[in-house]
Amino acid sequence: MDLGTIIGLISGAVGGNVAGGMMKNASMGTAGNSVIGVIGGFVLPMILNKLGMGGAAAAAGATGGMDVMSIVT
């Protein structure tokens, strides 16, 4: 599992909870919102890649990979 996938899953979980907080009548609870967000964070990049909109994965591949140390330092 690469770093882009992990970031997508974490941001999906956070985004699911933010969306659930904004739509109180459609909220599924913290766990439900997190699960739906993680599923979205995993599936959406695959759909975008199929449509030719690679996003972060395509940008990382175009520049020769993602260098984590350049972000940390």
N, C-alpha and C. Protein backbone atom coordinates (compact mmCIF):
# COMPACT_ATOMS: atom_id res chain seq x y z
N MET A 1 0.86 -1.17 0.00
CA MET A 1 0.00 0.00 0.00
C MET A 1 0.90 1.23 0.00
N ASP A 2 0.73 2.09 -0.98
CA ASP A 2 1.59 3.25 -1.08
C ASP A 2 1.06 4.44 -0.27
N LEU A 3 1.86 5.46 -0.19
CA LEU A 3 1.53 6.62 0.63
C LEU A 3 0.28 7.33 0.11
N GLY A 4 0.11 7.40 -1.20
CA GLY A 4 -1.07 8.05 -1.77
C GLY A 4 -2.36 7.37 -1.37
N THR A 5 -2.34 6.05 -1.31
CA THR A 5 -3.52 5.30 -0.90
C THR A 5 -3.85 5.54 0.56
N ILE A 6 -2.81 5.56 1.40
CA ILE A 6 -3.02 5.80 2.83
C ILE A 6 -3.59 7.19 3.06
N ILE A 7 -3.04 8.17 2.36
CA ILE A 7 -3.55 9.55 2.49
C ILE A 7 -4.99 9.62 2.02
N GLY A 8 -5.31 8.92 0.93
CA GLY A 8 -6.69 8.91 0.44
C GLY A 8 -7.66 8.30 1.43
N LEU A 9 -7.26 7.22 2.09
CA LEU A 9 -8.13 6.57 3.07
C LEU A 9 -8.34 7.46 4.30
N ILE A 10 -7.27 8.07 4.78
CA ILE A 10 -7.40 8.94 5.95
C ILE A 10 -8.23 10.18 5.63
N SER A 11 -7.95 10.80 4.50
CA SER A 11 -8.72 11.99 4.14
C SER A 11 -10.17 11.64 3.83
N GLY A 12 -10.41 10.44 3.33
CA GLY A 12 -11.79 9.99 3.11
C GLY A 12 -12.54 9.85 4.41
N ALA A 13 -11.89 9.28 5.42
CA ALA A 13 -12.53 9.12 6.73
C ALA A 13 -12.84 10.48 7.35
N VAL A 14 -11.88 11.40 7.27
CA VAL A 14 -12.11 12.74 7.81
C VAL A 14 -13.21 13.44 7.03
N GLY A 15 -13.15 13.35 5.71
CA GLY A 15 -14.17 13.99 4.88
C GLY A 15 -15.56 13.42 5.11
N GLY A 16 -15.65 12.11 5.34
CA GLY A 16 -16.93 11.50 5.64
C GLY A 16 -17.54 12.04 6.92
N ASN A 17 -16.71 12.25 7.92
CA ASN A 17 -17.21 12.79 9.18
C ASN A 17 -17.57 14.27 9.06
N VAL A 18 -16.81 15.01 8.28
CA VAL A 18 -17.15 16.42 8.05
C VAL A 18 -18.48 16.53 7.32
N ALA A 19 -18.65 15.70 6.29
CA ALA A 19 -19.92 15.73 5.55
C ALA A 19 -21.08 15.29 6.43
N GLY A 20 -20.86 14.28 7.28
CA GLY A 20 -21.90 13.84 8.20
C GLY A 20 -22.26 14.91 9.21
N GLY A 21 -21.27 15.69 9.63
CA GLY A 21 -21.54 16.78 10.56
C GLY A 21 -22.31 17.92 9.92
N MET A 22 -22.08 18.12 8.64
CA MET A 22 -22.78 19.20 7.94
C MET A 22 -24.20 18.81 7.57
N MET A 23 -24.43 17.53 7.36
CA MET A 23 -25.77 17.05 6.99
C MET A 23 -26.31 16.19 8.13
N LYS A 24 -26.77 16.82 9.17
CA LYS A 24 -27.21 16.12 10.37
C LYS A 24 -28.31 15.10 10.09
N ASN A 25 -29.21 15.42 9.17
CA ASN A 25 -30.32 14.49 8.90
C ASN A 25 -29.89 13.26 8.10
N ALA A 26 -28.71 13.31 7.46
CA ALA A 26 -28.23 12.17 6.67
C ALA A 26 -27.02 11.50 7.31
N SER A 27 -26.65 11.93 8.52
CA SER A 27 -25.48 11.37 9.19
C SER A 27 -25.73 9.92 9.58
N MET A 28 -24.69 9.10 9.46
CA MET A 28 -24.78 7.69 9.82
C MET A 28 -24.02 7.39 11.10
N GLY A 29 -23.67 8.42 11.84
CA GLY A 29 -22.86 8.23 13.04
C GLY A 29 -21.38 8.28 12.68
N THR A 30 -20.54 8.39 13.67
CA THR A 30 -19.11 8.54 13.42
C THR A 30 -18.53 7.35 12.67
N ALA A 31 -18.86 6.15 13.13
CA ALA A 31 -18.31 4.96 12.48
C ALA A 31 -18.82 4.80 11.05
N GLY A 32 -20.11 5.00 10.84
CA GLY A 32 -20.69 4.88 9.51
C GLY A 32 -20.14 5.91 8.55
N ASN A 33 -20.02 7.16 9.01
CA ASN A 33 -19.45 8.21 8.17
C ASN A 33 -18.00 7.91 7.81
N SER A 34 -17.25 7.37 8.78
CA SER A 34 -15.84 7.03 8.52
C SER A 34 -15.74 5.91 7.48
N VAL A 35 -16.56 4.89 7.62
CA VAL A 35 -16.51 3.76 6.68
C VAL A 35 -16.88 4.21 5.28
N ILE A 36 -17.94 4.99 5.17
CA ILE A 36 -18.34 5.49 3.84
C ILE A 36 -17.26 6.38 3.26
N GLY A 37 -16.65 7.21 4.10
CA GLY A 37 -15.56 8.08 3.63
C GLY A 37 -14.35 7.30 3.17
N VAL A 38 -13.99 6.24 3.90
CA VAL A 38 -12.85 5.40 3.51
C VAL A 38 -13.14 4.70 2.19
N ILE A 39 -14.35 4.21 2.02
CA ILE A 39 -14.72 3.57 0.75
C ILE A 39 -14.60 4.59 -0.39
N GLY A 40 -15.09 5.79 -0.15
CA GLY A 40 -14.98 6.84 -1.16
C GLY A 40 -13.53 7.21 -1.45
N GLY A 41 -12.71 7.27 -0.39
CA GLY A 41 -11.30 7.58 -0.57
C GLY A 41 -10.53 6.50 -1.30
N PHE A 42 -11.04 5.28 -1.29
CA PHE A 42 -10.39 4.17 -1.98
C PHE A 42 -10.90 4.04 -3.41
N VAL A 43 -12.20 4.23 -3.62
CA VAL A 43 -12.81 3.99 -4.93
C VAL A 43 -12.65 5.18 -5.87
N LEU A 44 -12.79 6.40 -5.36
CA LEU A 44 -12.75 7.59 -6.22
C LEU A 44 -11.45 7.71 -7.01
N PRO A 45 -10.26 7.49 -6.42
CA PRO A 45 -9.05 7.56 -7.25
C PRO A 45 -9.03 6.53 -8.39
N MET A 46 -9.60 5.36 -8.15
CA MET A 46 -9.65 4.37 -9.22
C MET A 46 -10.54 4.85 -10.36
N ILE A 47 -11.67 5.45 -10.02
CA ILE A 47 -12.57 5.97 -11.05
C ILE A 47 -11.91 7.11 -11.82
N LEU A 48 -11.24 8.01 -11.09
CA LEU A 48 -10.56 9.13 -11.75
C LEU A 48 -9.44 8.64 -12.67
N ASN A 49 -8.71 7.62 -12.25
CA ASN A 49 -7.66 7.07 -13.11
C ASN A 49 -8.25 6.48 -14.39
N LYS A 50 -9.37 5.81 -14.29
CA LYS A 50 -10.02 5.24 -15.48
C LYS A 50 -10.49 6.33 -16.44
N LEU A 51 -10.87 7.49 -15.87
CA LEU A 51 -11.33 8.60 -16.70
C LEU A 51 -10.18 9.45 -17.23
N GLY A 52 -8.95 9.12 -16.83
CA GLY A 52 -7.79 9.87 -17.31
C GLY A 52 -7.44 11.07 -16.48
N MET A 53 -8.03 11.18 -15.31
CA MET A 53 -7.71 12.28 -14.40
C MET A 53 -7.00 11.70 -13.19
N GLY A 54 -5.71 11.42 -13.34
CA GLY A 54 -4.97 10.67 -12.34
C GLY A 54 -4.80 11.34 -11.00
N GLY A 55 -4.86 12.63 -10.93
CA GLY A 55 -4.71 13.32 -9.66
C GLY A 55 -3.32 13.21 -9.10
N ALA A 56 -3.21 13.01 -7.79
CA ALA A 56 -1.92 13.00 -7.11
C ALA A 56 -1.04 11.84 -7.57
N ALA A 57 -1.64 10.70 -7.84
CA ALA A 57 -0.86 9.54 -8.27
C ALA A 57 -0.19 9.81 -9.62
N ALA A 58 -0.90 10.45 -10.52
CA ALA A 58 -0.33 10.77 -11.83
C ALA A 58 0.75 11.84 -11.69
N ALA A 59 0.53 12.82 -10.82
CA ALA A 59 1.53 13.86 -10.61
C ALA A 59 2.79 13.29 -9.99
N ALA A 60 2.64 12.37 -9.04
CA ALA A 60 3.80 11.74 -8.41
C ALA A 60 4.55 10.89 -9.42
N GLY A 61 3.83 10.19 -10.28
CA GLY A 61 4.48 9.37 -11.30
C GLY A 61 5.18 10.21 -12.34
N ALA A 62 4.62 11.36 -12.67
CA ALA A 62 5.21 12.23 -13.67
C ALA A 62 6.50 12.87 -13.18
N THR A 63 6.64 13.05 -11.88
CA THR A 63 7.83 13.68 -11.33
C THR A 63 8.84 12.66 -10.83
N GLY A 64 8.59 11.38 -11.06
CA GLY A 64 9.52 10.36 -10.66
C GLY A 64 9.25 9.77 -9.30
N GLY A 65 8.10 10.01 -8.73
CA GLY A 65 7.76 9.43 -7.43
C GLY A 65 7.60 10.50 -6.36
N MET A 66 7.07 10.08 -5.25
CA MET A 66 6.83 11.01 -4.16
C MET A 66 7.97 10.89 -3.15
N ASP A 67 8.61 12.00 -2.84
CA ASP A 67 9.70 12.03 -1.88
C ASP A 67 9.17 12.52 -0.55
N VAL A 68 8.98 11.61 0.39
CA VAL A 68 8.40 11.95 1.69
C VAL A 68 9.33 12.87 2.46
N MET A 69 10.60 12.69 2.37
CA MET A 69 11.55 13.50 3.14
C MET A 69 11.51 14.97 2.72
N SER A 70 11.16 15.27 1.48
CA SER A 70 11.04 16.66 1.09
C SER A 70 9.85 17.33 1.74
N ILE A 71 8.85 16.56 2.12
CA ILE A 71 7.70 17.10 2.82
C ILE A 71 8.00 17.28 4.30
N VAL A 72 8.69 16.31 4.88
CA VAL A 72 8.97 16.31 6.32
C VAL A 72 9.96 17.38 6.70
N THR A 73 10.99 17.59 5.87
CA THR A 73 12.04 18.55 6.25
C THR A 73 11.79 19.93 5.73
